[in-house]
Amino acid sequence: MVDFHSHFLFDMDDGAKDIEMSLAMLNMSTKQGVTTIVSTPHYYPDAAKPHVAAAARDENIEQLIAYAKQENIKIPEIKRGFEVRVKTHLYEVEDFSELCIENTKTILLELPLKEWTEELLDVVEFVKTEKKLDVVIAHFERYVDRIPNELILRLLEMRPYIQINAGSLVKRDKLEFICELFRNGMAHVIGSDAHNMSSRCSLMDIGYAYIRRNLGQEYIDKIEANAKKLLNL
């Protein structure tokens, strides 16, 4: 089981508040069956250079792995990445390697929850076509009720990979819509988008169970195959 989107790193963004919570979140993921987890702290291209943000993230991960070993707590394999906010400042980034998930050409992009513009979608297209990266759109299901259909359709015409939050599968108003995305080959990977141990905890096991029950094991197999492909596993 691959968790493609999580904010378990401490003191990086609005995720885990301290290293103890980070370890608790990872331990929860392990118990849910997660074997690989992508660290995706928010990255804002107008706030820091990629190498500066990457250095802070990597130091955080090293501390966390050392702490897990000290406490003898098993955690999933961690892949280093970011949740990159789509802004026009991305045009100024020369080297995207530090914004991609480690050892891949895969990048997780987050759009705002409202006020999409054609200019922002031009940035997504630039990252995908000009930089030749495998673009994954974070928590796509959160946009569809808020964004004009013509902008949603333009994004989908770019044929990005789509990441769905596991927690959204427990919402009745989202479940059938998400299932249709998977049936039509328009959704590809699952992430917890976990931020803490309470209000925004990981529901990866429940999300997988919902997919297995409503769509069948073949779709779990597809999700895992997509994750392995995007992460070079």
Protein backbone atom coordinates (compact mmCIF):
# COMPACT_ATOMS: atom_id res chain seq x y z
CA MET A 1 0.00 0.00 0.00
CA VAL A 2 1.44 3.37 -1.07
CA ASP A 3 0.37 6.61 0.58
CA PHE A 4 1.07 9.17 -2.13
CA HIS A 5 0.34 12.32 -0.10
CA SER A 6 1.03 12.97 3.59
CA HIS A 7 2.04 15.82 5.89
CA PHE A 8 3.68 13.75 8.60
CA LEU A 9 6.85 15.85 8.77
CA PHE A 10 7.08 18.11 11.81
CA ASP A 11 7.53 21.87 11.85
CA MET A 12 7.32 22.05 8.06
CA ASP A 13 3.79 23.27 7.39
CA ASP A 14 0.31 22.70 8.86
CA GLY A 15 1.04 19.01 9.40
CA ALA A 16 2.56 17.26 12.43
CA LYS A 17 3.31 19.71 15.22
CA ASP A 18 6.31 17.83 16.64
CA ILE A 19 8.47 14.77 16.11
CA GLU A 20 6.36 12.68 18.49
CA MET A 21 3.27 13.30 16.36
CA SER A 22 5.27 12.52 13.21
CA LEU A 23 6.27 9.15 14.61
CA ALA A 24 2.72 8.43 15.79
CA MET A 25 1.37 9.22 12.30
CA LEU A 26 3.90 6.91 10.67
CA ASN A 27 3.16 4.17 13.19
CA MET A 28 -0.55 4.50 12.38
CA SER A 29 0.27 4.20 8.67
CA THR A 30 2.27 1.03 9.29
CA LYS A 31 -0.62 -0.52 11.22
CA GLN A 32 -2.97 0.34 8.34
CA GLY A 33 -0.76 -1.57 5.92
CA VAL A 34 1.16 1.31 4.29
CA THR A 35 4.57 0.14 3.10
CA THR A 36 5.69 3.29 1.25
CA ILE A 37 4.76 6.86 2.09
CA VAL A 38 5.60 10.06 0.22
CA SER A 39 6.51 13.08 2.33
CA THR A 40 4.67 15.99 0.74
CA PRO A 41 5.10 19.16 2.81
CA HIS A 42 3.64 22.21 1.12
CA TYR A 43 6.03 24.05 -1.16
CA TYR A 44 5.28 27.61 -2.25
CA PRO A 45 7.59 28.76 -5.06
CA ASP A 46 7.32 32.40 -4.02
CA ALA A 47 8.50 31.60 -0.46
CA ALA A 48 11.72 29.60 -0.81
CA LYS A 49 14.19 28.25 -3.34
CA PRO A 50 13.80 24.53 -4.05
CA HIS A 51 17.20 23.58 -2.64
CA VAL A 52 16.53 25.44 0.61
CA ALA A 53 13.16 23.76 1.14
CA ALA A 54 14.60 20.37 0.16
CA ALA A 55 17.46 20.70 2.66
CA ALA A 56 15.02 21.48 5.50
CA ARG A 57 12.80 18.56 4.50
CA ASP A 58 15.70 16.11 4.27
CA GLU A 59 17.07 17.09 7.68
CA ASN A 60 13.59 16.59 9.13
CA ILE A 61 13.34 13.11 7.61
CA GLU A 62 16.78 12.11 8.87
CA GLN A 63 15.85 13.14 12.42
CA LEU A 64 12.59 11.24 12.17
CA ILE A 65 14.19 8.02 10.90
CA ALA A 66 16.81 8.19 13.64
CA TYR A 67 14.10 8.72 16.27
CA ALA A 68 12.08 5.76 14.94
CA LYS A 69 15.17 3.53 15.22
CA GLN A 70 15.84 4.79 18.73
CA GLU A 71 12.28 3.97 19.78
CA ASN A 72 12.35 0.67 17.84
CA ILE A 73 9.19 1.60 15.94
CA LYS A 74 8.67 0.27 12.42
CA ILE A 75 7.73 2.92 9.87
CA PRO A 76 7.01 2.79 6.12
CA GLU A 77 9.70 3.52 3.57
CA ILE A 78 9.77 7.29 3.10
CA LYS A 79 10.00 8.87 -0.34
CA ARG A 80 10.97 12.54 -0.38
CA GLY A 81 8.69 14.93 -2.22
CA PHE A 82 6.61 18.09 -1.98
CA GLU A 83 3.07 19.23 -2.57
CA VAL A 84 3.91 22.07 -4.94
CA ARG A 85 1.46 24.96 -5.15
CA VAL A 86 0.80 26.05 -8.72
CA LYS A 87 1.94 29.65 -9.07
CA THR A 88 3.44 31.62 -11.94
CA HIS A 89 6.72 31.69 -9.96
CA LEU A 90 7.27 28.12 -11.20
CA TYR A 91 8.29 29.62 -14.54
CA GLU A 92 11.40 30.90 -12.76
CA VAL A 93 12.49 27.44 -11.53
CA GLU A 94 15.32 26.15 -13.69
CA ASP A 95 15.83 22.74 -12.08
CA PHE A 96 12.70 20.87 -10.99
CA SER A 97 14.58 17.81 -9.73
CA GLU A 98 14.37 18.86 -6.08
CA LEU A 99 10.62 19.46 -6.38
CA CYS A 100 10.01 16.01 -7.86
CA ILE A 101 9.61 12.90 -5.75
CA GLU A 102 13.07 11.48 -5.23
CA ASN A 103 14.62 9.53 -8.11
CA THR A 104 11.62 10.22 -10.36
CA LYS A 105 10.25 12.75 -12.79
CA THR A 106 6.98 12.79 -10.85
CA ILE A 107 5.70 15.99 -9.27
CA LEU A 108 2.64 16.47 -7.04
CA LEU A 109 0.88 19.75 -7.86
CA GLU A 110 -1.77 21.49 -5.79
CA LEU A 111 -4.14 24.07 -7.26
CA PRO A 112 -6.09 26.55 -5.11
CA LEU A 113 -9.54 25.46 -3.93
CA LYS A 114 -11.12 28.36 -5.80
CA GLU A 115 -10.32 31.10 -8.28
CA TRP A 116 -8.64 29.00 -10.95
CA THR A 117 -7.53 30.96 -13.98
CA GLU A 118 -6.35 30.06 -17.46
CA GLU A 119 -2.97 31.47 -16.40
CA LEU A 120 -2.67 28.89 -13.61
CA LEU A 121 -3.56 26.07 -15.96
CA ASP A 122 -0.89 27.35 -18.34
CA VAL A 123 1.60 26.76 -15.51
CA VAL A 124 0.42 23.15 -15.14
CA GLU A 125 0.80 22.65 -18.88
CA PHE A 126 4.28 24.19 -18.76
CA VAL A 127 5.39 21.79 -16.02
CA LYS A 128 3.99 18.80 -17.89
CA THR A 129 4.96 19.57 -21.47
CA GLU A 130 7.93 21.91 -21.30
CA LYS A 131 9.62 20.30 -18.28
CA LYS A 132 8.43 16.84 -19.36
CA LEU A 133 7.36 15.77 -15.88
CA ASP A 134 4.73 13.28 -14.77
CA VAL A 135 2.22 15.62 -13.17
CA VAL A 136 0.02 14.30 -10.36
CA ILE A 137 -2.86 16.56 -9.29
CA ALA A 138 -3.39 16.46 -5.53
CA HIS A 139 -6.85 15.67 -4.10
CA PHE A 140 -8.65 16.28 -7.38
CA GLU A 141 -12.06 15.48 -5.90
CA ARG A 142 -11.88 18.61 -3.73
CA TYR A 143 -11.99 20.90 -6.77
CA VAL A 144 -14.94 19.66 -8.76
CA ASP A 145 -17.71 21.36 -6.77
CA ARG A 146 -15.86 24.66 -6.60
CA ILE A 147 -14.32 25.21 -10.03
CA PRO A 148 -16.10 26.00 -13.35
CA ASN A 149 -16.51 22.91 -15.51
CA GLU A 150 -14.66 24.41 -18.47
CA LEU A 151 -11.51 24.81 -16.35
CA ILE A 152 -11.82 21.30 -14.91
CA LEU A 153 -12.16 19.94 -18.46
CA ARG A 154 -9.12 21.84 -19.65
CA LEU A 155 -7.07 20.34 -16.82
CA LEU A 156 -8.29 16.83 -17.64
CA GLU A 157 -7.46 17.34 -21.32
CA MET A 158 -3.80 17.59 -20.27
CA ARG A 159 -4.14 13.97 -19.05
CA PRO A 160 -2.38 14.38 -15.71
CA TYR A 161 -2.34 11.65 -13.11
CA ILE A 162 -5.03 12.17 -10.48
CA GLN A 163 -4.56 11.59 -6.75
CA ILE A 164 -7.61 10.98 -4.57
CA ASN A 165 -7.71 11.40 -0.79
CA ALA A 166 -8.60 8.18 1.03
CA GLY A 167 -10.77 10.15 3.45
CA SER A 168 -13.00 11.37 0.64
CA LEU A 169 -14.11 7.80 -0.01
CA VAL A 170 -15.98 7.70 3.29
CA LYS A 171 -18.19 10.61 2.22
CA ARG A 172 -21.38 9.41 0.55
CA ASP A 173 -21.61 12.48 -1.68
CA LYS A 174 -18.11 11.80 -3.04
CA LEU A 175 -17.98 7.99 -3.18
CA GLU A 176 -19.89 7.36 -6.41
CA PHE A 177 -18.16 10.26 -8.19
CA ILE A 178 -14.74 8.93 -7.20
CA CYS A 179 -15.69 5.40 -8.23
CA GLU A 180 -16.69 6.73 -11.65
CA LEU A 181 -13.30 8.42 -11.98
CA PHE A 182 -11.58 5.09 -11.34
CA ARG A 183 -13.92 3.19 -13.68
CA ASN A 184 -13.14 5.66 -16.46
CA GLY A 185 -9.39 5.54 -15.89
CA MET A 186 -9.34 9.16 -14.69
CA ALA A 187 -8.08 8.52 -11.13
CA HIS A 188 -4.79 6.79 -10.48
CA VAL A 189 -3.35 6.90 -6.94
CA ILE A 190 -4.50 7.28 -3.34
CA GLY A 191 -3.08 9.47 -0.57
CA SER A 192 -4.07 10.04 3.02
CA ASP A 193 -3.37 13.79 2.98
CA ALA A 194 -2.94 13.23 6.73
CA HIS A 195 -2.02 16.25 8.86
CA ASN A 196 -2.45 14.97 12.41
CA MET A 197 -3.77 12.12 14.55
CA SER A 198 -7.30 13.41 15.02
CA SER A 199 -9.24 15.66 12.64
CA ARG A 200 -7.10 14.82 9.60
CA CYS A 201 -5.65 11.41 10.32
CA SER A 202 -4.79 8.71 7.80
CA LEU A 203 -7.69 6.61 6.52
CA MET A 204 -5.73 4.61 3.97
CA ASP A 205 -7.01 1.23 5.15
CA ILE A 206 -10.64 2.39 5.06
CA GLY A 207 -10.17 4.01 1.64
CA TYR A 208 -8.69 0.81 0.22
CA ALA A 209 -11.56 -1.21 1.75
CA TYR A 210 -14.15 1.07 0.10
CA ILE A 211 -12.49 0.69 -3.30
CA ARG A 212 -12.21 -3.07 -2.92
CA ARG A 213 -15.87 -3.35 -1.89
CA ASN A 214 -17.31 -0.97 -4.49
CA LEU A 215 -15.00 -1.60 -7.45
CA GLY A 216 -13.14 -4.82 -6.80
CA GLN A 217 -9.57 -5.98 -6.24
CA GLU A 218 -8.60 -5.23 -9.84
CA TYR A 219 -8.79 -1.52 -9.08
CA ILE A 220 -6.58 -1.91 -6.02
CA ASP A 221 -4.10 -3.65 -8.30
CA LYS A 222 -4.28 -0.75 -10.77
CA ILE A 223 -3.71 1.82 -8.02
CA GLU A 224 -0.68 -0.06 -6.74
CA ALA A 225 0.70 -0.48 -10.27
CA ASN A 226 0.30 3.26 -10.93
CA ALA A 227 2.06 4.13 -7.69
CA LYS A 228 4.96 1.79 -8.45
CA LYS A 229 5.31 3.27 -11.92
CA LEU A 230 5.28 6.88 -10.70
CA LEU A 231 7.72 6.16 -7.85
CA ASN A 232 10.01 3.84 -9.82
CA LEU A 233 9.45 1.08 -7.26
